Amino acid sequence: MRNWSGETGRSTGSLPDSIGVTSPSRPKCTSRFQDAFSEFLPRLQAILSSKDPVIDKIEAYLGAHLQLLQSRPDLPLFILNEVYRDPERFFTKFMHHLQGASPFSILLEQIAEEMEAGILRPMNPRELWFNVMSMVVFPVIARPILQKISATPDREYVAILEQRQQSLLLFIRNAIVLP
């Protein structure tokens, strides 16, 4: 399978290479990525499995995920690389951190219930969740492209990413919550 850089069979070790990590420190770098993701999953489960309304869960998710991405902006590339390399291994390795029912199943059910109750606009619950996740991750993964085509200097781009939690929540709230 090809990855976004056009290389076939890229190993986990090549990601540290691409961000300038030397061979002797590669295992430590990969371990830090794994640790960060492993710490995030239980937090994600707690957010998505809570009894809070969907919009509150989205707000909590945005805060947690954007905070993680600020501290580890290369984490999405690590995850994508691992998933494309061996999806079964990735999900077996990382998803054991989740306990009980899938938090995504719980969230999707709740989204459907709130749509049925007239709280949220009717749409495919999966599509709603895909949109939320992509709006969080895409600006981080596509930073070089977005920065170049928008002629945005580094400091300004970082400031935009830092402001995204509030602007995204307002955007999502306006898009999905019925008046």
Foldseek 3Di string as FASTA:
>chain_A
DADPVRDPLDDLQVLCVVVPHDPVCSVVVLVVLLVLLLVLVVVLLCLLVDPDALLSSLLSVLVSLLVSCVVPLCSVVSLVSVCVNPVVCSCVVRVVSDDDDDSLVSNQVNLVVCCVVQFWPDDRSVVLVVVSVCVLNVCSVCVVVVCVVVVPDPVRSSVCSVPCSVVVSVVSCVHIGDD
